Amino acid sequence: MSTSAVTSLYRRSLKLSLDWAVHRQIWRGQAVYIRSLFEANKDVRDPRQQQILLRETEKLLESWKHPDPYRAPTAPGGNKWERNLPARILPCTFMPSI
């Protein structure tokens, strides 16, 4: 199993847990727990066992997915995204009379 797949899975699990606990002081305990779960399986060398662990973790993340994930207010899809856009500059169609 590649380290990039494990790293990606770890990061996704941290971001997913942040959807459920927005406050960092609450989330930190969950992050430490997630880290301990990944650390417990870091010495698995059998490729078949690694694939099984990877699939089980993917299923677990899918079941833990939040129905309304947290988005930062200024991120795309957030409640402040494009709130104060500058006015568009339109071509001048005013023709002065001579």
PDB file of N, CA and C in Angstrom:
ATOM      1  N   MET A   1       0.860  -1.166   0.000  1.00  0.00           N
ATOM      2  CA  MET A   1       0.000   0.000   0.000  1.00  0.00           C
ATOM      3  C   MET A   1       0.906   1.228   0.000  1.00  0.00           C
ATOM      4  N   SER A   2       0.608   2.140  -0.867  1.00  0.00           N
ATOM      5  CA  SER A   2       1.449   3.317  -0.968  1.00  0.00           C
ATOM      6  C   SER A   2       1.202   4.272   0.193  1.00  0.00           C
ATOM      7  N   THR A   3       2.244   4.984   0.537  1.00  0.00           N
ATOM      8  CA  THR A   3       2.102   5.945   1.633  1.00  0.00           C
ATOM      9  C   THR A   3       1.181   7.093   1.248  1.00  0.00           C
ATOM     10  N   SER A   4       1.114   7.399  -0.052  1.00  0.00           N
ATOM     11  CA  SER A   4       0.227   8.486  -0.467  1.00  0.00           C
ATOM     12  C   SER A   4      -1.240   8.109  -0.268  1.00  0.00           C
ATOM     13  N   ALA A   5      -1.580   6.830  -0.465  1.00  0.00           N
ATOM     14  CA  ALA A   5      -2.962   6.393  -0.239  1.00  0.00           C
ATOM     15  C   ALA A   5      -3.316   6.482   1.242  1.00  0.00           C
ATOM     16  N   VAL A   6      -2.382   6.082   2.099  1.00  0.00           N
ATOM     17  CA  VAL A   6      -2.620   6.137   3.540  1.00  0.00           C
ATOM     18  C   VAL A   6      -2.701   7.592   4.004  1.00  0.00           C
ATOM     19  N   THR A   7      -1.803   8.421   3.495  1.00  0.00           N
ATOM     20  CA  THR A   7      -1.809   9.837   3.860  1.00  0.00           C
ATOM     21  C   THR A   7      -3.110  10.500   3.425  1.00  0.00           C
ATOM     22  N   SER A   8      -3.557  10.187   2.222  1.00  0.00           N
ATOM     23  CA  SER A   8      -4.809  10.746   1.727  1.00  0.00           C
ATOM     24  C   SER A   8      -5.986  10.301   2.590  1.00  0.00           C
ATOM     25  N   LEU A   9      -5.995   9.044   2.949  1.00  0.00           N
ATOM     26  CA  LEU A   9      -7.058   8.513   3.793  1.00  0.00           C
ATOM     27  C   LEU A   9      -7.037   9.159   5.178  1.00  0.00           C
ATOM     28  N   TYR A  10      -5.857   9.355   5.712  1.00  0.00           N
ATOM     29  CA  TYR A  10      -5.713   9.993   7.023  1.00  0.00           C
ATOM     30  C   TYR A  10      -6.221  11.442   6.980  1.00  0.00           C
ATOM     31  N   ARG A  11      -5.823  12.171   5.958  1.00  0.00           N
ATOM     32  CA  ARG A  11      -6.264  13.560   5.846  1.00  0.00           C
ATOM     33  C   ARG A  11      -7.768  13.656   5.655  1.00  0.00           C
ATOM     34  N   ARG A  12      -8.327  12.768   4.836  1.00  0.00           N
ATOM     35  CA  ARG A  12      -9.778  12.783   4.644  1.00  0.00           C
ATOM     36  C   ARG A  12     -10.514  12.468   5.932  1.00  0.00           C
ATOM     37  N   SER A  13      -9.974  11.544   6.722  1.00  0.00           N
ATOM     38  CA  SER A  13     -10.631  11.219   7.989  1.00  0.00           C
ATOM     39  C   SER A  13     -10.578  12.404   8.953  1.00  0.00           C
ATOM     40  N   LEU A  14      -9.467  13.137   8.956  1.00  0.00           N
ATOM     41  CA  LEU A  14      -9.389  14.325   9.812  1.00  0.00           C
ATOM     42  C   LEU A  14     -10.374  15.398   9.360  1.00  0.00           C
ATOM     43  N   LYS A  15     -10.465  15.610   8.057  1.00  0.00           N
ATOM     44  CA  LYS A  15     -11.402  16.620   7.551  1.00  0.00           C
ATOM     45  C   LYS A  15     -12.849  16.205   7.811  1.00  0.00           C
ATOM     46  N   LEU A  16     -13.116  14.917   7.698  1.00  0.00           N
ATOM     47  CA  LEU A  16     -14.461  14.435   7.966  1.00  0.00           C
ATOM     48  C   LEU A  16     -14.829  14.621   9.431  1.00  0.00           C
ATOM     49  N   SER A  17     -13.885  14.360  10.317  1.00  0.00           N
ATOM     50  CA  SER A  17     -14.180  14.555  11.740  1.00  0.00           C
ATOM     51  C   SER A  17     -14.383  16.029  12.061  1.00  0.00           C
ATOM     52  N   LEU A  18     -13.746  16.903  11.303  1.00  0.00           N
ATOM     53  CA  LEU A  18     -13.933  18.339  11.503  1.00  0.00           C
ATOM     54  C   LEU A  18     -15.340  18.784  11.090  1.00  0.00           C
ATOM     55  N   ASP A  19     -15.988  18.031  10.187  1.00  0.00           N
ATOM     56  CA  ASP A  19     -17.369  18.336   9.828  1.00  0.00           C
ATOM     57  C   ASP A  19     -18.315  18.113  11.006  1.00  0.00           C
ATOM     58  N   TRP A  20     -17.989  17.152  11.858  1.00  0.00           N
ATOM     59  CA  TRP A  20     -18.858  16.821  12.980  1.00  0.00           C
ATOM     60  C   TRP A  20     -18.556  17.666  14.212  1.00  0.00           C
ATOM     61  N   ALA A  21     -17.328  18.081  14.398  1.00  0.00           N
ATOM     62  CA  ALA A  21     -16.950  18.891  15.565  1.00  0.00           C
ATOM     63  C   ALA A  21     -16.215  20.122  15.050  1.00  0.00           C
ATOM     64  N   VAL A  22     -16.923  21.210  14.904  1.00  0.00           N
ATOM     65  CA  VAL A  22     -16.354  22.412  14.298  1.00  0.00           C
ATOM     66  C   VAL A  22     -15.331  23.085  15.216  1.00  0.00           C
ATOM     67  N   HIS A  23     -15.547  23.033  16.514  1.00  0.00           N
ATOM     68  CA  HIS A  23     -14.634  23.685  17.446  1.00  0.00           C
ATOM     69  C   HIS A  23     -13.351  22.869  17.588  1.00  0.00           C
ATOM     70  N   ARG A  24     -12.219  23.520  17.455  1.00  0.00           N
ATOM     71  CA  ARG A  24     -10.931  22.831  17.458  1.00  0.00           C
ATOM     72  C   ARG A  24     -10.634  22.108  18.761  1.00  0.00           C
ATOM     73  N   GLN A  25     -11.047  22.653  19.896  1.00  0.00           N
ATOM     74  CA  GLN A  25     -10.740  21.987  21.160  1.00  0.00           C
ATOM     75  C   GLN A  25     -11.489  20.661  21.287  1.00  0.00           C
ATOM     76  N   ILE A  26     -12.661  20.557  20.702  1.00  0.00           N
ATOM     77  CA  ILE A  26     -13.394  19.288  20.687  1.00  0.00           C
ATOM     78  C   ILE A  26     -12.790  18.357  19.641  1.00  0.00           C
ATOM     79  N   TRP A  27     -12.474  18.916  18.494  1.00  0.00           N
ATOM     80  CA  TRP A  27     -11.937  18.132  17.383  1.00  0.00           C
ATOM     81  C   TRP A  27     -10.576  17.531  17.699  1.00  0.00           C
ATOM     82  N   ARG A  28      -9.793  18.198  18.520  1.00  0.00           N
ATOM     83  CA  ARG A  28      -8.438  17.725  18.814  1.00  0.00           C
ATOM     84  C   ARG A  28      -8.437  16.330  19.432  1.00  0.00           C
ATOM     85  N   GLY A  29      -9.358  16.064  20.323  1.00  0.00           N
ATOM     86  CA  GLY A  29      -9.467  14.737  20.918  1.00  0.00           C
ATOM     87  C   GLY A  29      -9.780  13.675  19.878  1.00  0.00           C
ATOM     88  N   GLN A  30     -10.654  14.011  18.927  1.00  0.00           N
ATOM     89  CA  GLN A  30     -10.971  13.080  17.857  1.00  0.00           C
ATOM     90  C   GLN A  30      -9.767  12.865  16.948  1.00  0.00           C
ATOM     91  N   ALA A  31      -9.003  13.920  16.694  1.00  0.00           N
ATOM     92  CA  ALA A  31      -7.823  13.802  15.842  1.00  0.00           C
ATOM     93  C   ALA A  31      -6.774  12.890  16.479  1.00  0.00           C
ATOM     94  N   VAL A  32      -6.604  12.993  17.782  1.00  0.00           N
ATOM     95  CA  VAL A  32      -5.651  12.124  18.482  1.00  0.00           C
ATOM     96  C   VAL A  32      -6.119  10.671  18.411  1.00  0.00           C
ATOM     97  N   TYR A  33      -7.421  10.451  18.549  1.00  0.00           N
ATOM     98  CA  TYR A  33      -7.963   9.098  18.454  1.00  0.00           C
ATOM     99  C   TYR A  33      -7.751   8.515  17.051  1.00  0.00           C
ATOM    100  N   ILE A  34      -8.018   9.310  16.027  1.00  0.00           N
ATOM    101  CA  ILE A  34      -7.815   8.858  14.650  1.00  0.00           C
ATOM    102  C   ILE A  34      -6.345   8.529  14.412  1.00  0.00           C
ATOM    103  N   ARG A  35      -5.471   9.366  14.926  1.00  0.00           N
ATOM    104  CA  ARG A  35      -4.036   9.108  14.787  1.00  0.00           C
ATOM    105  C   ARG A  35      -3.652   7.778  15.447  1.00  0.00           C
ATOM    106  N   SER A  36      -4.224   7.495  16.613  1.00  0.00           N
ATOM    107  CA  SER A  36      -3.908   6.238  17.301  1.00  0.00           C
ATOM    108  C   SER A  36      -4.384   5.035  16.493  1.00  0.00           C
ATOM    109  N   LEU A  37      -5.522   5.167  15.797  1.00  0.00           N
ATOM    110  CA  LEU A  37      -6.005   4.071  14.953  1.00  0.00           C
ATOM    111  C   LEU A  37      -5.057   3.809  13.783  1.00  0.00           C
ATOM    112  N   PHE A  38      -4.550   4.869  13.171  1.00  0.00           N
ATOM    113  CA  PHE A  38      -3.610   4.698  12.067  1.00  0.00           C
ATOM    114  C   PHE A  38      -2.274   4.164  12.569  1.00  0.00           C
ATOM    115  N   GLU A  39      -1.838   4.636  13.722  1.00  0.00           N
ATOM    116  CA  GLU A  39      -0.575   4.165  14.296  1.00  0.00           C
ATOM    117  C   GLU A  39      -0.641   2.685  14.663  1.00  0.00           C
ATOM    118  N   ALA A  40      -1.806   2.211  15.078  1.00  0.00           N
ATOM    119  CA  ALA A  40      -1.949   0.811  15.477  1.00  0.00           C
ATOM    120  C   ALA A  40      -1.727  -0.137  14.308  1.00  0.00           C
ATOM    121  N   ASN A  41      -1.974   0.319  13.087  1.00  0.00           N
ATOM    122  CA  ASN A  41      -1.845  -0.540  11.908  1.00  0.00           C
ATOM    123  C   ASN A  41      -0.659  -0.170  11.024  1.00  0.00           C
ATOM    124  N   LYS A  42       0.264   0.611  11.520  1.00  0.00           N
ATOM    125  CA  LYS A  42       1.378   1.047  10.675  1.00  0.00           C
ATOM    126  C   LYS A  42       2.382  -0.064  10.379  1.00  0.00           C
ATOM    127  N   ASP A  43       2.395  -1.137  11.183  1.00  0.00           N
ATOM    128  CA  ASP A  43       3.366  -2.207  10.984  1.00  0.00           C
ATOM    129  C   ASP A  43       2.825  -3.357  10.144  1.00  0.00           C
ATOM    130  N   VAL A  44       1.652  -3.210   9.561  1.00  0.00           N
ATOM    131  CA  VAL A  44       1.097  -4.264   8.705  1.00  0.00           C
ATOM    132  C   VAL A  44       1.858  -4.251   7.385  1.00  0.00           C
ATOM    133  N   ARG A  45       2.463  -5.396   7.030  1.00  0.00           N
ATOM    134  CA  ARG A  45       3.288  -5.481   5.818  1.00  0.00           C
ATOM    135  C   ARG A  45       2.653  -6.336   4.715  1.00  0.00           C
ATOM    136  N   ASP A  46       1.682  -7.157   5.073  1.00  0.00           N
ATOM    137  CA  ASP A  46       1.033  -8.025   4.091  1.00  0.00           C
ATOM    138  C   ASP A  46       0.161  -7.179   3.160  1.00  0.00           C
ATOM    139  N   PRO A  47       0.419  -7.193   1.840  1.00  0.00           N
ATOM    140  CA  PRO A  47      -0.354  -6.351   0.912  1.00  0.00           C
ATOM    141  C   PRO A  47      -1.857  -6.660   0.922  1.00  0.00           C
ATOM    142  N   ARG A  48      -2.209  -7.922   1.098  1.00  0.00           N
ATOM    143  CA  ARG A  48      -3.640  -8.256   1.137  1.00  0.00           C
ATOM    144  C   ARG A  48      -4.304  -7.661   2.374  1.00  0.00           C
ATOM    145  N   GLN A  49      -3.634  -7.781   3.494  1.00  0.00           N
ATOM    146  CA  GLN A  49      -4.171  -7.214   4.732  1.00  0.00           C
ATOM    147  C   GLN A  49      -4.252  -5.683   4.631  1.00  0.00           C
ATOM    148  N   GLN A  50      -3.271  -5.080   3.966  1.00  0.00           N
ATOM    149  CA  GLN A  50      -3.290  -3.631   3.778  1.00  0.00           C
ATOM    150  C   GLN A  50      -4.490  -3.207   2.939  1.00  0.00           C
ATOM    151  N   GLN A  51      -4.764  -3.956   1.875  1.00  0.00           N
ATOM    152  CA  GLN A  51      -5.911  -3.629   1.029  1.00  0.00           C
ATOM    153  C   GLN A  51      -7.231  -3.792   1.787  1.00  0.00           C
ATOM    154  N   ILE A  52      -7.296  -4.825   2.619  1.00  0.00           N
ATOM    155  CA  ILE A  52      -8.496  -5.027   3.425  1.00  0.00           C
ATOM    156  C   ILE A  52      -8.692  -3.860   4.388  1.00  0.00           C
ATOM    157  N   LEU A  53      -7.611  -3.440   5.044  1.00  0.00           N
ATOM    158  CA  LEU A  53      -7.694  -2.294   5.953  1.00  0.00           C
ATOM    159  C   LEU A  53      -8.113  -1.027   5.218  1.00  0.00           C
ATOM    160  N   LEU A  54      -7.556  -0.852   4.035  1.00  0.00           N
ATOM    161  CA  LEU A  54      -7.885   0.332   3.237  1.00  0.00           C
ATOM    162  C   LEU A  54      -9.365   0.337   2.860  1.00  0.00           C
ATOM    163  N   ARG A  55      -9.878  -0.801   2.400  1.00  0.00           N
ATOM    164  CA  ARG A  55     -11.296  -0.881   2.026  1.00  0.00           C
ATOM    165  C   ARG A  55     -12.212  -0.679   3.231  1.00  0.00           C
ATOM    166  N   GLU A  56     -11.865  -1.285   4.363  1.00  0.00           N
ATOM    167  CA  GLU A  56     -12.684  -1.121   5.563  1.00  0.00           C
ATOM    168  C   GLU A  56     -12.713   0.330   6.023  1.00  0.00           C
ATOM    169  N   THR A  57     -11.570   0.996   5.930  1.00  0.00           N
ATOM    170  CA  THR A  57     -11.515   2.401   6.330  1.00  0.00           C
ATOM    171  C   THR A  57     -12.327   3.262   5.377  1.00  0.00           C
ATOM    172  N   GLU A  58     -12.268   2.959   4.085  1.00  0.00           N
ATOM    173  CA  GLU A  58     -13.070   3.703   3.105  1.00  0.00           C
ATOM    174  C   GLU A  58     -14.564   3.552   3.411  1.00  0.00           C
ATOM    175  N   LYS A  59     -14.994   2.321   3.720  1.00  0.00           N
ATOM    176  CA  LYS A  59     -16.401   2.087   4.060  1.00  0.00           C
ATOM    177  C   LYS A  59     -16.787   2.844   5.323  1.00  0.00           C
ATOM    178  N   LEU A  60     -15.898   2.838   6.298  1.00  0.00           N
ATOM    179  CA  LEU A  60     -16.162   3.534   7.551  1.00  0.00           C
ATOM    180  C   LEU A  60     -16.294   5.041   7.317  1.00  0.00           C
ATOM    181  N   LEU A  61     -15.426   5.607   6.494  1.00  0.00           N
ATOM    182  CA  LEU A  61     -15.513   7.035   6.193  1.00  0.00           C
ATOM    183  C   LEU A  61     -16.808   7.355   5.453  1.00  0.00           C
ATOM    184  N   GLU A  62     -17.220   6.460   4.567  1.00  0.00           N
ATOM    185  CA  GLU A  62     -18.460   6.687   3.832  1.00  0.00           C
ATOM    186  C   GLU A  62     -19.660   6.669   4.774  1.00  0.00           C
ATOM    187  N   SER A  63     -19.613   5.796   5.773  1.00  0.00           N
ATOM    188  CA  SER A  63     -20.738   5.737   6.710  1.00  0.00           C
ATOM    189  C   SER A  63     -20.733   6.919   7.680  1.00  0.00           C
ATOM    190  N   TRP A  64     -19.579   7.508   7.938  1.00  0.00           N
ATOM    191  CA  TRP A  64     -19.469   8.653   8.853  1.00  0.00           C
ATOM    192  C   TRP A  64     -19.662  10.001   8.161  1.00  0.00           C
ATOM    193  N   LYS A  65     -19.878   9.984   6.860  1.00  0.00           N
ATOM    194  CA  LYS A  65     -19.977  11.238   6.116  1.00  0.00           C
ATOM    195  C   LYS A  65     -21.123  12.092   6.644  1.00  0.00           C
ATOM    196  N   HIS A  66     -20.847  13.349   6.840  1.00  0.00           N
ATOM    197  CA  HIS A  66     -21.846  14.281   7.381  1.00  0.00           C
ATOM    198  C   HIS A  66     -22.835  14.663   6.281  1.00  0.00           C
ATOM    199  N   PRO A  67     -24.140  14.720   6.589  1.00  0.00           N
ATOM    200  CA  PRO A  67     -25.123  15.076   5.557  1.00  0.00           C
ATOM    201  C   PRO A  67     -25.013  16.533   5.108  1.00  0.00           C
ATOM    202  N   ASP A  68     -24.526  17.392   5.974  1.00  0.00           N
ATOM    203  CA  ASP A  68     -24.362  18.813   5.640  1.00  0.00           C
ATOM    204  C   ASP A  68     -22.969  19.228   6.090  1.00  0.00           C
ATOM    205  N   PRO A  69     -21.922  18.930   5.293  1.00  0.00           N
ATOM    206  CA  PRO A  69     -20.557  19.184   5.746  1.00  0.00           C
ATOM    207  C   PRO A  69     -20.275  20.668   5.955  1.00  0.00           C
ATOM    208  N   TYR A  70     -19.352  20.936   6.877  1.00  0.00           N
ATOM    209  CA  TYR A  70     -18.976  22.313   7.192  1.00  0.00           C
ATOM    210  C   TYR A  70     -18.177  22.909   6.042  1.00  0.00           C
ATOM    211  N   ARG A  71     -18.522  24.115   5.685  1.00  0.00           N
ATOM    212  CA  ARG A  71     -17.760  24.864   4.686  1.00  0.00           C
ATOM    213  C   ARG A  71     -17.402  26.205   5.310  1.00  0.00           C
ATOM    214  N   ALA A  72     -16.179  26.620   5.117  1.00  0.00           N
ATOM    215  CA  ALA A  72     -15.775  27.936   5.611  1.00  0.00           C
ATOM    216  C   ALA A  72     -16.651  28.991   4.943  1.00  0.00           C
ATOM    217  N   PRO A  73     -17.034  30.041   5.655  1.00  0.00           N
ATOM    218  CA  PRO A  73     -17.951  31.032   5.083  1.00  0.00           C
ATOM    219  C   PRO A  73     -17.470  31.649   3.778  1.00  0.00           C
ATOM    220  N   THR A  74     -16.174  31.859   3.628  1.00  0.00           N
ATOM    221  CA  THR A  74     -15.682  32.503   2.412  1.00  0.00           C
ATOM    222  C   THR A  74     -15.255  31.512   1.346  1.00  0.00           C
ATOM    223  N   ALA A  75     -15.414  30.216   1.593  1.00  0.00           N
ATOM    224  CA  ALA A  75     -15.075  29.194   0.602  1.00  0.00           C
ATOM    225  C   ALA A  75     -16.219  29.047  -0.396  1.00  0.00           C
ATOM    226  N   PRO A  76     -15.945  28.509  -1.584  1.00  0.00           N
ATOM    227  CA  PRO A  76     -17.045  28.277  -2.528  1.00  0.00           C
ATOM    228  C   PRO A  76     -18.123  27.412  -1.886  1.00  0.00           C
ATOM    229  N   GLY A  77     -19.352  27.884  -1.944  1.00  0.00           N
ATOM    230  CA  GLY A  77     -20.462  27.185  -1.314  1.00  0.00           C
ATOM    231  C   GLY A  77     -20.752  27.671   0.097  1.00  0.00           C
ATOM    232  N   GLY A  78     -19.868  28.495   0.664  1.00  0.00           N
ATOM    233  CA  GLY A  78     -20.090  29.050   1.999  1.00  0.00           C
ATOM    234  C   GLY A  78     -21.112  30.171   1.945  1.00  0.00           C
ATOM    235  N   ASN A  79     -21.598  30.589   3.116  1.00  0.00           N
ATOM    236  CA  ASN A  79     -22.667  31.585   3.135  1.00  0.00           C
ATOM    237  C   ASN A  79     -22.184  33.004   2.829  1.00  0.00           C
ATOM    238  N   LYS A  80     -20.879  33.239   2.778  1.00  0.00           N
ATOM    239  CA  LYS A  80     -20.377  34.569   2.423  1.00  0.00           C
ATOM    240  C   LYS A  80     -19.687  34.571   1.062  1.00  0.00           C
ATOM    241  N   TRP A  81     -19.735  33.453   0.358  1.00  0.00           N
ATOM    242  CA  TRP A  81     -19.052  33.343  -0.932  1.00  0.00           C
ATOM    243  C   TRP A  81     -19.690  34.303  -1.929  1.00  0.00           C
ATOM    244  N   GLU A  82     -18.885  35.156  -2.500  1.00  0.00           N
ATOM    245  CA  GLU A  82     -19.290  36.143  -3.500  1.00  0.00           C
ATOM    246  C   GLU A  82     -20.397  37.069  -2.998  1.00  0.00           C
ATOM    247  N   ARG A  83     -20.378  37.371  -1.699  1.00  0.00           N
ATOM    248  CA  ARG A  83     -21.416  38.233  -1.150  1.00  0.00           C
ATOM    249  C   ARG A  83     -21.236  39.678  -1.595  1.00  0.00           C
ATOM    250  N   ASN A  84     -20.015  40.194  -1.579  1.00  0.00           N
ATOM    251  CA  ASN A  84     -19.774  41.598  -1.908  1.00  0.00           C
ATOM    252  C   ASN A  84     -18.927  41.707  -3.170  1.00  0.00           C
ATOM    253  N   LEU A  85     -19.473  41.222  -4.245  1.00  0.00           N
ATOM    254  CA  LEU A  85     -18.753  41.318  -5.513  1.00  0.00           C
ATOM    255  C   LEU A  85     -18.739  42.763  -5.996  1.00  0.00           C
ATOM    256  N   PRO A  86     -17.652  43.182  -6.598  1.00  0.00           N
ATOM    257  CA  PRO A  86     -17.659  44.523  -7.178  1.00  0.00           C
ATOM    258  C   PRO A  86     -18.629  44.577  -8.361  1.00  0.00           C
ATOM    259  N   ALA A  87     -19.186  45.744  -8.585  1.00  0.00           N
ATOM    260  CA  ALA A  87     -20.131  45.902  -9.682  1.00  0.00           C
ATOM    261  C   ALA A  87     -19.431  45.686 -11.012  1.00  0.00           C
ATOM    262  N   ARG A  88     -20.149  45.068 -11.928  1.00  0.00           N
ATOM    263  CA  ARG A  88     -19.585  44.844 -13.255  1.00  0.00           C
ATOM    264  C   ARG A  88     -19.479  46.167 -14.001  1.00  0.00           C
ATOM    265  N   ILE A  89     -18.458  46.286 -14.781  1.00  0.00           N
ATOM    266  CA  ILE A  89     -18.301  47.479 -15.613  1.00  0.00           C
ATOM    267  C   ILE A  89     -18.937  47.161 -16.961  1.00  0.00           C
ATOM    268  N   LEU A  90     -20.002  47.888 -17.247  1.00  0.00           N
ATOM    269  CA  LEU A  90     -20.731  47.657 -18.504  1.00  0.00           C
ATOM    270  C   LEU A  90     -20.255  48.642 -19.548  1.00  0.00           C
ATOM    271  N   PRO A  91     -20.363  48.267 -20.810  1.00  0.00           N
ATOM    272  CA  PRO A  91     -19.960  49.205 -21.863  1.00  0.00           C
ATOM    273  C   PRO A  91     -20.870  50.446 -21.867  1.00  0.00           C
ATOM    274  N   CYS A  92     -20.280  51.551 -22.147  1.00  0.00           N
ATOM    275  CA  CYS A  92     -21.010  52.807 -22.156  1.00  0.00           C
ATOM    276  C   CYS A  92     -21.880  52.891 -23.415  1.00  0.00           C
ATOM    277  N   THR A  93     -23.174  53.031 -23.219  1.00  0.00           N
ATOM    278  CA  THR A  93     -24.095  53.149 -24.371  1.00  0.00           C
ATOM    279  C   THR A  93     -24.695  54.533 -24.458  1.00  0.00           C
ATOM    280  N   PHE A  94     -24.229  55.445 -23.616  1.00  0.00           N
ATOM    281  CA  PHE A  94     -24.745  56.790 -23.595  1.00  0.00           C
ATOM    282  C   PHE A  94     -24.139  57.576 -24.753  1.00  0.00           C
ATOM    283  N   MET A  95     -24.975  58.160 -25.574  1.00  0.00           N
ATOM    284  CA  MET A  95     -24.507  58.966 -26.692  1.00  0.00           C
ATOM    285  C   MET A  95     -24.882  60.419 -26.428  1.00  0.00           C
ATOM    286  N   PRO A  96     -23.912  61.275 -26.189  1.00  0.00           N
ATOM    287  CA  PRO A  96     -24.264  62.684 -25.951  1.00  0.00           C
ATOM    288  C   PRO A  96     -24.826  63.345 -27.192  1.00  0.00           C
ATOM    289  N   SER A  97     -25.818  64.205 -27.003  1.00  0.00           N
ATOM    290  CA  SER A  97     -26.382  64.925 -28.147  1.00  0.00           C
ATOM    291  C   SER A  97     -25.567  66.160 -28.443  1.00  0.00           C
ATOM    292  N   ILE A  98     -25.335  66.408 -29.675  1.00  0.00           N
ATOM    293  CA  ILE A  98     -24.501  67.538 -30.087  1.00  0.00           C
ATOM    294  C   ILE A  98     -25.342  68.713 -30.510  1.00  0.00           C
TER     295      ILE A  98
END
